[in-house]
Amino acid sequence: MRMEHRVRSRPAGRFGALEERRVEGPGEAPVRAARDMAMDINTAQLPRLKSLTGIGEHYAKKIVEGRPYRDREELLTRHILPHYIYGRIMDRLCASQS
């Protein structure tokens, strides 16, 4: 059985009080915000596409080669992505027309 270990520190002002602290890196908040935004499959670069769950080098290249898309469902109708991968990421994709 594995037990979690949490680091606790005592604040200088109160004897015996314990305080838990979580330190975030300088760039964590913007990454989290960018992760929540929809990714445009017509303009996203390879590294950004590969950051999606289940998308590796192969599928990222297939997405780029199949551009432009009218809507995100074309990833299925053109057989770019299998259903099980598309189902995981469909809510994070969009296809804007420029």
PDB file of N, CA and C in Angstrom:
ATOM      1  N   MET A   1       0.844  -1.171   0.000  1.00  0.00           N
ATOM      2  CA  MET A   1       0.000   0.000   0.000  1.00  0.00           C
ATOM      3  C   MET A   1       0.890   1.235   0.000  1.00  0.00           C
ATOM      4  N   ARG A   2       0.594   2.143  -0.881  1.00  0.00           N
ATOM      5  CA  ARG A   2       1.396   3.352  -0.998  1.00  0.00           C
ATOM      6  C   ARG A   2       0.684   4.498  -0.293  1.00  0.00           C
ATOM      7  N   MET A   3       1.439   5.252   0.483  1.00  0.00           N
ATOM      8  CA  MET A   3       0.856   6.369   1.214  1.00  0.00           C
ATOM      9  C   MET A   3       1.362   7.675   0.626  1.00  0.00           C
ATOM     10  N   GLU A   4       0.489   8.646   0.576  1.00  0.00           N
ATOM     11  CA  GLU A   4       0.891   9.959   0.079  1.00  0.00           C
ATOM     12  C   GLU A   4       1.663  10.703   1.160  1.00  0.00           C
ATOM     13  N   HIS A   5       2.587  11.506   0.721  1.00  0.00           N
ATOM     14  CA  HIS A   5       3.362  12.320   1.642  1.00  0.00           C
ATOM     15  C   HIS A   5       3.121  13.781   1.310  1.00  0.00           C
ATOM     16  N   ARG A   6       2.667  14.528   2.277  1.00  0.00           N
ATOM     17  CA  ARG A   6       2.447  15.952   2.080  1.00  0.00           C
ATOM     18  C   ARG A   6       3.417  16.719   2.954  1.00  0.00           C
ATOM     19  N   VAL A   7       3.981  17.740   2.376  1.00  0.00           N
ATOM     20  CA  VAL A   7       4.906  18.581   3.119  1.00  0.00           C
ATOM     21  C   VAL A   7       4.111  19.634   3.861  1.00  0.00           C
ATOM     22  N   ARG A   8       4.341  19.725   5.134  1.00  0.00           N
ATOM     23  CA  ARG A   8       3.654  20.721   5.950  1.00  0.00           C
ATOM     24  C   ARG A   8       4.703  21.577   6.632  1.00  0.00           C
ATOM     25  N   SER A   9       4.388  22.810   6.789  1.00  0.00           N
ATOM     26  CA  SER A   9       5.326  23.703   7.455  1.00  0.00           C
ATOM     27  C   SER A   9       4.591  24.484   8.535  1.00  0.00           C
ATOM     28  N   ARG A  10       5.321  24.923   9.513  1.00  0.00           N
ATOM     29  CA  ARG A  10       4.741  25.700  10.598  1.00  0.00           C
ATOM     30  C   ARG A  10       4.950  27.175  10.318  1.00  0.00           C
ATOM     31  N   PRO A  11       3.887  27.973  10.321  1.00  0.00           N
ATOM     32  CA  PRO A  11       4.064  29.407  10.150  1.00  0.00           C
ATOM     33  C   PRO A  11       4.789  29.998  11.356  1.00  0.00           C
ATOM     34  N   ALA A  12       5.520  31.056  11.144  1.00  0.00           N
ATOM     35  CA  ALA A  12       6.334  31.654  12.196  1.00  0.00           C
ATOM     36  C   ALA A  12       5.498  32.251  13.318  1.00  0.00           C
ATOM     37  N   GLY A  13       4.294  32.698  13.027  1.00  0.00           N
ATOM     38  CA  GLY A  13       3.509  33.419  14.021  1.00  0.00           C
ATOM     39  C   GLY A  13       2.740  32.548  15.000  1.00  0.00           C
ATOM     40  N   ARG A  14       2.356  31.331  14.629  1.00  0.00           N
ATOM     41  CA  ARG A  14       1.503  30.527  15.501  1.00  0.00           C
ATOM     42  C   ARG A  14       2.179  29.213  15.823  1.00  0.00           C
ATOM     43  N   PHE A  15       2.336  28.940  17.077  1.00  0.00           N
ATOM     44  CA  PHE A  15       2.976  27.707  17.513  1.00  0.00           C
ATOM     45  C   PHE A  15       2.012  26.545  17.351  1.00  0.00           C
ATOM     46  N   GLY A  16       2.448  25.490  16.691  1.00  0.00           N
ATOM     47  CA  GLY A  16       1.644  24.293  16.563  1.00  0.00           C
ATOM     48  C   GLY A  16       0.703  24.266  15.373  1.00  0.00           C
ATOM     49  N   ALA A  17       0.472  25.372  14.718  1.00  0.00           N
ATOM     50  CA  ALA A  17      -0.433  25.395  13.566  1.00  0.00           C
ATOM     51  C   ALA A  17       0.284  24.849  12.336  1.00  0.00           C
ATOM     52  N   LEU A  18      -0.414  24.027  11.589  1.00  0.00           N
ATOM     53  CA  LEU A  18       0.150  23.472  10.361  1.00  0.00           C
ATOM     54  C   LEU A  18      -0.504  24.121   9.161  1.00  0.00           C
ATOM     55  N   GLU A  19       0.262  24.283   8.115  1.00  0.00           N
ATOM     56  CA  GLU A  19      -0.237  24.938   6.908  1.00  0.00           C
ATOM     57  C   GLU A  19       0.252  24.157   5.705  1.00  0.00           C
ATOM     58  N   GLU A  20      -0.653  23.840   4.780  1.00  0.00           N
ATOM     59  CA  GLU A  20      -0.258  23.175   3.536  1.00  0.00           C
ATOM     60  C   GLU A  20      -0.097  24.219   2.455  1.00  0.00           C
ATOM     61  N   ARG A  21       0.966  24.076   1.687  1.00  0.00           N
ATOM     62  CA  ARG A  21       1.204  25.021   0.603  1.00  0.00           C
ATOM     63  C   ARG A  21       1.459  24.264  -0.671  1.00  0.00           C
ATOM     64  N   ARG A  22       0.904  24.761  -1.752  1.00  0.00           N
ATOM     65  CA  ARG A  22       1.165  24.216  -3.081  1.00  0.00           C
ATOM     66  C   ARG A  22       1.786  25.324  -3.899  1.00  0.00           C
ATOM     67  N   VAL A  23       2.945  25.065  -4.422  1.00  0.00           N
ATOM     68  CA  VAL A  23       3.653  26.081  -5.194  1.00  0.00           C
ATOM     69  C   VAL A  23       3.444  25.809  -6.669  1.00  0.00           C
ATOM     70  N   GLU A  24       2.972  26.809  -7.385  1.00  0.00           N
ATOM     71  CA  GLU A  24       2.783  26.693  -8.835  1.00  0.00           C
ATOM     72  C   GLU A  24       3.959  27.339  -9.539  1.00  0.00           C
ATOM     73  N   GLY A  25       4.323  26.768 -10.657  1.00  0.00           N
ATOM     74  CA  GLY A  25       5.381  27.354 -11.463  1.00  0.00           C
ATOM     75  C   GLY A  25       4.902  28.641 -12.111  1.00  0.00           C
ATOM     76  N   PRO A  26       5.809  29.440 -12.638  1.00  0.00           N
ATOM     77  CA  PRO A  26       5.428  30.727 -13.205  1.00  0.00           C
ATOM     78  C   PRO A  26       4.518  30.632 -14.419  1.00  0.00           C
ATOM     79  N   GLY A  27       4.544  29.512 -15.143  1.00  0.00           N
ATOM     80  CA  GLY A  27       3.756  29.449 -16.371  1.00  0.00           C
ATOM     81  C   GLY A  27       2.563  28.527 -16.307  1.00  0.00           C
ATOM     82  N   GLU A  28       2.175  28.055 -15.138  1.00  0.00           N
ATOM     83  CA  GLU A  28       1.095  27.086 -15.070  1.00  0.00           C
ATOM     84  C   GLU A  28      -0.274  27.670 -15.362  1.00  0.00           C
ATOM     85  N   ALA A  29      -0.578  28.833 -14.864  1.00  0.00           N
ATOM     86  CA  ALA A  29      -1.918  29.406 -15.056  1.00  0.00           C
ATOM     87  C   ALA A  29      -2.228  29.675 -16.530  1.00  0.00           C
ATOM     88  N   PRO A  30      -1.336  30.285 -17.313  1.00  0.00           N
ATOM     89  CA  PRO A  30      -1.657  30.497 -18.728  1.00  0.00           C
ATOM     90  C   PRO A  30      -1.816  29.190 -19.502  1.00  0.00           C
ATOM     91  N   VAL A  31      -1.055  28.158 -19.156  1.00  0.00           N
ATOM     92  CA  VAL A  31      -1.173  26.879 -19.842  1.00  0.00           C
ATOM     93  C   VAL A  31      -2.545  26.285 -19.570  1.00  0.00           C
ATOM     94  N   ARG A  32      -2.995  26.384 -18.323  1.00  0.00           N
ATOM     95  CA  ARG A  32      -4.304  25.875 -17.976  1.00  0.00           C
ATOM     96  C   ARG A  32      -5.384  26.616 -18.743  1.00  0.00           C
ATOM     97  N   ALA A  33      -5.267  27.918 -18.873  1.00  0.00           N
ATOM     98  CA  ALA A  33      -6.256  28.711 -19.597  1.00  0.00           C
ATOM     99  C   ALA A  33      -6.243  28.349 -21.075  1.00  0.00           C
ATOM    100  N   ALA A  34      -5.068  28.154 -21.649  1.00  0.00           N
ATOM    101  CA  ALA A  34      -4.972  27.800 -23.069  1.00  0.00           C
ATOM    102  C   ALA A  34      -5.528  26.404 -23.319  1.00  0.00           C
ATOM    103  N   ARG A  35      -5.405  25.528 -22.345  1.00  0.00           N
ATOM    104  CA  ARG A  35      -5.904  24.172 -22.496  1.00  0.00           C
ATOM    105  C   ARG A  35      -7.425  24.154 -22.586  1.00  0.00           C
ATOM    106  N   ASP A  36      -8.090  25.100 -21.915  1.00  0.00           N
ATOM    107  CA  ASP A  36      -9.539  25.143 -21.906  1.00  0.00           C
ATOM    108  C   ASP A  36     -10.134  25.745 -23.174  1.00  0.00           C
ATOM    109  N   MET A  37      -9.357  26.469 -23.950  1.00  0.00           N
ATOM    110  CA  MET A  37      -9.853  27.093 -25.173  1.00  0.00           C
ATOM    111  C   MET A  37      -9.904  26.051 -26.294  1.00  0.00           C
ATOM    112  N   ALA A  38     -10.826  26.252 -27.250  1.00  0.00           N
ATOM    113  CA  ALA A  38     -10.933  25.342 -28.384  1.00  0.00           C
ATOM    114  C   ALA A  38      -9.767  25.561 -29.342  1.00  0.00           C
ATOM    115  N   MET A  39      -9.226  24.475 -29.847  1.00  0.00           N
ATOM    116  CA  MET A  39      -8.106  24.538 -30.772  1.00  0.00           C
ATOM    117  C   MET A  39      -8.642  24.496 -32.203  1.00  0.00           C
ATOM    118  N   ASP A  40      -8.194  25.431 -33.024  1.00  0.00           N
ATOM    119  CA  ASP A  40      -8.612  25.490 -34.423  1.00  0.00           C
ATOM    120  C   ASP A  40      -7.764  24.507 -35.230  1.00  0.00           C
ATOM    121  N   ILE A  41      -8.389  23.486 -35.781  1.00  0.00           N
ATOM    122  CA  ILE A  41      -7.645  22.469 -36.525  1.00  0.00           C
ATOM    123  C   ILE A  41      -7.162  22.974 -37.876  1.00  0.00           C
ATOM    124  N   ASN A  42      -7.661  24.117 -38.336  1.00  0.00           N
ATOM    125  CA  ASN A  42      -7.190  24.682 -39.597  1.00  0.00           C
ATOM    126  C   ASN A  42      -5.922  25.508 -39.442  1.00  0.00           C
ATOM    127  N   THR A  43      -5.587  25.933 -38.238  1.00  0.00           N
ATOM    128  CA  THR A  43      -4.419  26.797 -38.054  1.00  0.00           C
ATOM    129  C   THR A  43      -3.412  26.277 -37.035  1.00  0.00           C
ATOM    130  N   ALA A  44      -3.756  25.288 -36.218  1.00  0.00           N
ATOM    131  CA  ALA A  44      -2.872  24.806 -35.158  1.00  0.00           C
ATOM    132  C   ALA A  44      -1.619  24.159 -35.741  1.00  0.00           C
ATOM    133  N   GLN A  45      -0.492  24.424 -35.122  1.00  0.00           N
ATOM    134  CA  GLN A  45       0.782  23.847 -35.533  1.00  0.00           C
ATOM    135  C   GLN A  45       0.939  22.435 -34.953  1.00  0.00           C
ATOM    136  N   LEU A  46       1.883  21.660 -35.483  1.00  0.00           N
ATOM    137  CA  LEU A  46       2.099  20.274 -35.057  1.00  0.00           C
ATOM    138  C   LEU A  46       2.293  20.113 -33.546  1.00  0.00           C
ATOM    139  N   PRO A  47       3.160  20.897 -32.903  1.00  0.00           N
ATOM    140  CA  PRO A  47       3.345  20.685 -31.454  1.00  0.00           C
ATOM    141  C   PRO A  47       2.061  20.888 -30.653  1.00  0.00           C
ATOM    142  N   ARG A  48       1.258  21.841 -31.050  1.00  0.00           N
ATOM    143  CA  ARG A  48      -0.005  22.100 -30.348  1.00  0.00           C
ATOM    144  C   ARG A  48      -0.987  20.948 -30.577  1.00  0.00           C
ATOM    145  N   LEU A  49      -1.045  20.415 -31.794  1.00  0.00           N
ATOM    146  CA  LEU A  49      -1.915  19.275 -32.073  1.00  0.00           C
ATOM    147  C   LEU A  49      -1.479  18.050 -31.280  1.00  0.00           C
ATOM    148  N   LYS A  50      -0.170  17.839 -31.166  1.00  0.00           N
ATOM    149  CA  LYS A  50       0.341  16.677 -30.437  1.00  0.00           C
ATOM    150  C   LYS A  50       0.089  16.781 -28.938  1.00  0.00           C
ATOM    151  N   SER A  51      -0.259  17.956 -28.445  1.00  0.00           N
ATOM    152  CA  SER A  51      -0.561  18.096 -27.017  1.00  0.00           C
ATOM    153  C   SER A  51      -1.939  17.537 -26.666  1.00  0.00           C
ATOM    154  N   LEU A  52      -2.756  17.233 -27.666  1.00  0.00           N
ATOM    155  CA  LEU A  52      -4.077  16.652 -27.430  1.00  0.00           C
ATOM    156  C   LEU A  52      -3.944  15.174 -27.048  1.00  0.00           C
ATOM    157  N   THR A  53      -4.854  14.689 -26.227  1.00  0.00           N
ATOM    158  CA  THR A  53      -4.852  13.302 -25.783  1.00  0.00           C
ATOM    159  C   THR A  53      -5.021  12.363 -26.972  1.00  0.00           C
ATOM    160  N   GLY A  54      -4.084  11.444 -27.138  1.00  0.00           N
ATOM    161  CA  GLY A  54      -4.183  10.446 -28.196  1.00  0.00           C
ATOM    162  C   GLY A  54      -3.639  10.874 -29.545  1.00  0.00           C
ATOM    163  N   ILE A  55      -3.201  12.115 -29.673  1.00  0.00           N
ATOM    164  CA  ILE A  55      -2.666  12.602 -30.951  1.00  0.00           C
ATOM    165  C   ILE A  55      -1.144  12.594 -30.879  1.00  0.00           C
ATOM    166  N   GLY A  56      -0.556  11.782 -31.726  1.00  0.00           N
ATOM    167  CA  GLY A  56       0.894  11.722 -31.820  1.00  0.00           C
ATOM    168  C   GLY A  56       1.351  12.345 -33.130  1.00  0.00           C
ATOM    169  N   GLU A  57       2.575  12.053 -33.501  1.00  0.00           N
ATOM    170  CA  GLU A  57       3.162  12.592 -34.733  1.00  0.00           C
ATOM    171  C   GLU A  57       2.344  12.196 -35.961  1.00  0.00           C
ATOM    172  N   HIS A  58       1.941  10.944 -36.029  1.00  0.00           N
ATOM    173  CA  HIS A  58       1.224  10.427 -37.204  1.00  0.00           C
ATOM    174  C   HIS A  58      -0.113  11.146 -37.413  1.00  0.00           C
ATOM    175  N   TYR A  59      -0.946  11.182 -36.380  1.00  0.00           N
ATOM    176  CA  TYR A  59      -2.257  11.812 -36.511  1.00  0.00           C
ATOM    177  C   TYR A  59      -2.143  13.325 -36.683  1.00  0.00           C
ATOM    178  N   ALA A  60      -1.175  13.945 -36.040  1.00  0.00           N
ATOM    179  CA  ALA A  60      -0.990  15.395 -36.202  1.00  0.00           C
ATOM    180  C   ALA A  60      -0.663  15.725 -37.656  1.00  0.00           C
ATOM    181  N   LYS A  61       0.206  14.928 -38.278  1.00  0.00           N
ATOM    182  CA  LYS A  61       0.545  15.164 -39.688  1.00  0.00           C
ATOM    183  C   LYS A  61      -0.654  14.929 -40.599  1.00  0.00           C
ATOM    184  N   LYS A  62      -1.464  13.917 -40.289  1.00  0.00           N
ATOM    185  CA  LYS A  62      -2.660  13.660 -41.092  1.00  0.00           C
ATOM    186  C   LYS A  62      -3.640  14.822 -40.995  1.00  0.00           C
ATOM    187  N   ILE A  63      -3.771  15.410 -39.819  1.00  0.00           N
ATOM    188  CA  ILE A  63      -4.670  16.559 -39.649  1.00  0.00           C
ATOM    189  C   ILE A  63      -4.183  17.735 -40.480  1.00  0.00           C
ATOM    190  N   VAL A  64      -2.878  18.013 -40.432  1.00  0.00           N
ATOM    191  CA  VAL A  64      -2.313  19.137 -41.188  1.00  0.00           C
ATOM    192  C   VAL A  64      -2.443  18.904 -42.687  1.00  0.00           C
ATOM    193  N   GLU A  65      -2.170  17.695 -43.161  1.00  0.00           N
ATOM    194  CA  GLU A  65      -2.246  17.398 -44.590  1.00  0.00           C
ATOM    195  C   GLU A  65      -3.675  17.458 -45.134  1.00  0.00           C
ATOM    196  N   GLY A  66      -4.672  17.240 -44.283  1.00  0.00           N
ATOM    197  CA  GLY A  66      -6.060  17.232 -44.727  1.00  0.00           C
ATOM    198  C   GLY A  66      -6.735  18.596 -44.725  1.00  0.00           C
ATOM    199  N   ARG A  67      -6.017  19.641 -44.371  1.00  0.00           N
ATOM    200  CA  ARG A  67      -6.607  20.982 -44.304  1.00  0.00           C
ATOM    201  C   ARG A  67      -7.013  21.478 -45.661  1.00  0.00           C
ATOM    202  N   PRO A  68      -7.994  22.335 -45.756  1.00  0.00           N
ATOM    203  CA  PRO A  68      -8.837  22.942 -44.717  1.00  0.00           C
ATOM    204  C   PRO A  68     -10.052  22.078 -44.409  1.00  0.00           C
ATOM    205  N   TYR A  69     -10.616  22.293 -43.228  1.00  0.00           N
ATOM    206  CA  TYR A  69     -11.812  21.600 -42.771  1.00  0.00           C
ATOM    207  C   TYR A  69     -12.948  22.604 -42.618  1.00  0.00           C
ATOM    208  N   ARG A  70     -14.157  22.188 -42.963  1.00  0.00           N
ATOM    209  CA  ARG A  70     -15.338  23.039 -42.752  1.00  0.00           C
ATOM    210  C   ARG A  70     -15.832  22.925 -41.326  1.00  0.00           C
ATOM    211  N   ASP A  71     -15.783  21.711 -40.765  1.00  0.00           N
ATOM    212  CA  ASP A  71     -16.147  21.505 -39.365  1.00  0.00           C
ATOM    213  C   ASP A  71     -15.314  20.361 -38.794  1.00  0.00           C
ATOM    214  N   ARG A  72     -15.342  20.242 -37.490  1.00  0.00           N
ATOM    215  CA  ARG A  72     -14.467  19.267 -36.835  1.00  0.00           C
ATOM    216  C   ARG A  72     -14.860  17.823 -37.122  1.00  0.00           C
ATOM    217  N   GLU A  73     -16.108  17.574 -37.492  1.00  0.00           N
ATOM    218  CA  GLU A  73     -16.561  16.217 -37.786  1.00  0.00           C
ATOM    219  C   GLU A  73     -15.894  15.632 -39.031  1.00  0.00           C
ATOM    220  N   GLU A  74     -15.311  16.494 -39.859  1.00  0.00           N
ATOM    221  CA  GLU A  74     -14.613  15.999 -41.045  1.00  0.00           C
ATOM    222  C   GLU A  74     -13.405  15.136 -40.683  1.00  0.00           C
ATOM    223  N   LEU A  75     -12.913  15.265 -39.473  1.00  0.00           N
ATOM    224  CA  LEU A  75     -11.833  14.380 -39.036  1.00  0.00           C
ATOM    225  C   LEU A  75     -12.300  12.932 -39.026  1.00  0.00           C
ATOM    226  N   LEU A  76     -13.578  12.714 -38.828  1.00  0.00           N
ATOM    227  CA  LEU A  76     -14.146  11.360 -38.882  1.00  0.00           C
ATOM    228  C   LEU A  76     -14.552  10.975 -40.293  1.00  0.00           C
ATOM    229  N   THR A  77     -15.259  11.860 -40.985  1.00  0.00           N
ATOM    230  CA  THR A  77     -15.770  11.505 -42.314  1.00  0.00           C
ATOM    231  C   THR A  77     -14.657  11.298 -43.329  1.00  0.00           C
ATOM    232  N   ARG A  78     -13.537  11.973 -43.158  1.00  0.00           N
ATOM    233  CA  ARG A  78     -12.386  11.782 -44.054  1.00  0.00           C
ATOM    234  C   ARG A  78     -11.440  10.693 -43.550  1.00  0.00           C
ATOM    235  N   HIS A  79     -11.790  10.051 -42.446  1.00  0.00           N
ATOM    236  CA  HIS A  79     -10.985   8.980 -41.841  1.00  0.00           C
ATOM    237  C   HIS A  79      -9.594   9.459 -41.434  1.00  0.00           C
ATOM    238  N   ILE A  80      -9.529  10.667 -40.873  1.00  0.00           N
ATOM    239  CA  ILE A  80      -8.272  11.207 -40.356  1.00  0.00           C
ATOM    240  C   ILE A  80      -8.003  10.630 -38.972  1.00  0.00           C
ATOM    241  N   LEU A  81      -9.038  10.588 -38.125  1.00  0.00           N
ATOM    242  CA  LEU A  81      -8.934  10.065 -36.762  1.00  0.00           C
ATOM    243  C   LEU A  81      -9.938   8.936 -36.551  1.00  0.00           C
ATOM    244  N   PRO A  82      -9.572   7.945 -35.720  1.00  0.00           N
ATOM    245  CA  PRO A  82     -10.565   6.929 -35.355  1.00  0.00           C
ATOM    246  C   PRO A  82     -11.567   7.492 -34.337  1.00  0.00           C
ATOM    247  N   HIS A  83     -12.716   6.861 -34.227  1.00  0.00           N
ATOM    248  CA  HIS A  83     -13.787   7.337 -33.352  1.00  0.00           C
ATOM    249  C   HIS A  83     -13.348   7.448 -31.898  1.00  0.00           C
ATOM    250  N   TYR A  84     -12.569   6.481 -31.404  1.00  0.00           N
ATOM    251  CA  TYR A  84     -12.218   6.495 -29.989  1.00  0.00           C
ATOM    252  C   TYR A  84     -11.308   7.669 -29.627  1.00  0.00           C
ATOM    253  N   ILE A  85     -10.475   8.126 -30.535  1.00  0.00           N
ATOM    254  CA  ILE A  85      -9.636   9.294 -30.259  1.00  0.00           C
ATOM    255  C   ILE A  85     -10.453  10.574 -30.437  1.00  0.00           C
ATOM    256  N   TYR A  86     -11.237  10.638 -31.488  1.00  0.00           N
ATOM    257  CA  TYR A  86     -12.060  11.820 -31.724  1.00  0.00           C
ATOM    258  C   TYR A  86     -13.015  12.070 -30.555  1.00  0.00           C
ATOM    259  N   GLY A  87     -13.579  11.024 -30.004  1.00  0.00           N
ATOM    260  CA  GLY A  87     -14.496  11.163 -28.879  1.00  0.00           C
ATOM    261  C   GLY A  87     -13.853  11.792 -27.658  1.00  0.00           C
ATOM    262  N   ARG A  88     -12.555  11.569 -27.460  1.00  0.00           N
ATOM    263  CA  ARG A  88     -11.843  12.141 -26.315  1.00  0.00           C
ATOM    264  C   ARG A  88     -11.565  13.635 -26.476  1.00  0.00           C
ATOM    265  N   ILE A  89     -11.383  14.093 -27.707  1.00  0.00           N
ATOM    266  CA  ILE A  89     -10.902  15.468 -27.914  1.00  0.00           C
ATOM    267  C   ILE A  89     -11.883  16.373 -28.640  1.00  0.00           C
ATOM    268  N   MET A  90     -13.036  15.867 -29.054  1.00  0.00           N
ATOM    269  CA  MET A  90     -13.942  16.657 -29.888  1.00  0.00           C
ATOM    270  C   MET A  90     -14.396  17.949 -29.225  1.00  0.00           C
ATOM    271  N   ASP A  91     -14.521  17.973 -27.908  1.00  0.00           N
ATOM    272  CA  ASP A  91     -14.970  19.186 -27.231  1.00  0.00           C
ATOM    273  C   ASP A  91     -13.883  20.248 -27.164  1.00  0.00           C
ATOM    274  N   ARG A  92     -12.660  19.904 -27.524  1.00  0.00           N
ATOM    275  CA  ARG A  92     -11.555  20.864 -27.509  1.00  0.00           C
ATOM    276  C   ARG A  92     -11.176  21.337 -28.906  1.00  0.00           C
ATOM    277  N   LEU A  93     -11.946  20.948 -29.928  1.00  0.00           N
ATOM    278  CA  LEU A  93     -11.617  21.290 -31.314  1.00  0.00           C
ATOM    279  C   LEU A  93     -12.657  22.214 -31.933  1.00  0.00           C
ATOM    280  N   CYS A  94     -12.207  23.024 -32.884  1.00  0.00           N
ATOM    281  CA  CYS A  94     -13.102  23.814 -33.727  1.00  0.00           C
ATOM    282  C   CYS A  94     -12.439  23.943 -35.095  1.00  0.00           C
ATOM    283  N   ALA A  95     -13.223  24.315 -36.085  1.00  0.00           N
ATOM    284  CA  ALA A  95     -12.692  24.519 -37.437  1.00  0.00           C
ATOM    285  C   ALA A  95     -13.248  25.841 -37.954  1.00  0.00           C
ATOM    286  N   SER A  96     -12.449  26.870 -37.812  1.00  0.00           N
ATOM    287  CA  SER A  96     -12.910  28.197 -38.277  1.00  0.00           C
ATOM    288  C   SER A  96     -12.526  28.409 -39.724  1.00  0.00           C
ATOM    289  N   GLN A  97     -13.339  29.157 -40.418  1.00  0.00           N
ATOM    290  CA  GLN A  97     -13.073  29.492 -41.820  1.00  0.00           C
ATOM    291  C   GLN A  97     -12.442  30.868 -41.881  1.00  0.00           C
ATOM    292  N   SER A  98     -11.369  30.994 -42.626  1.00  0.00           N
ATOM    293  CA  SER A  98     -10.722  32.310 -42.727  1.00  0.00           C
ATOM    294  C   SER A  98     -10.954  32.936 -44.080  1.00  0.00           C
TER     295      SER A  98
END
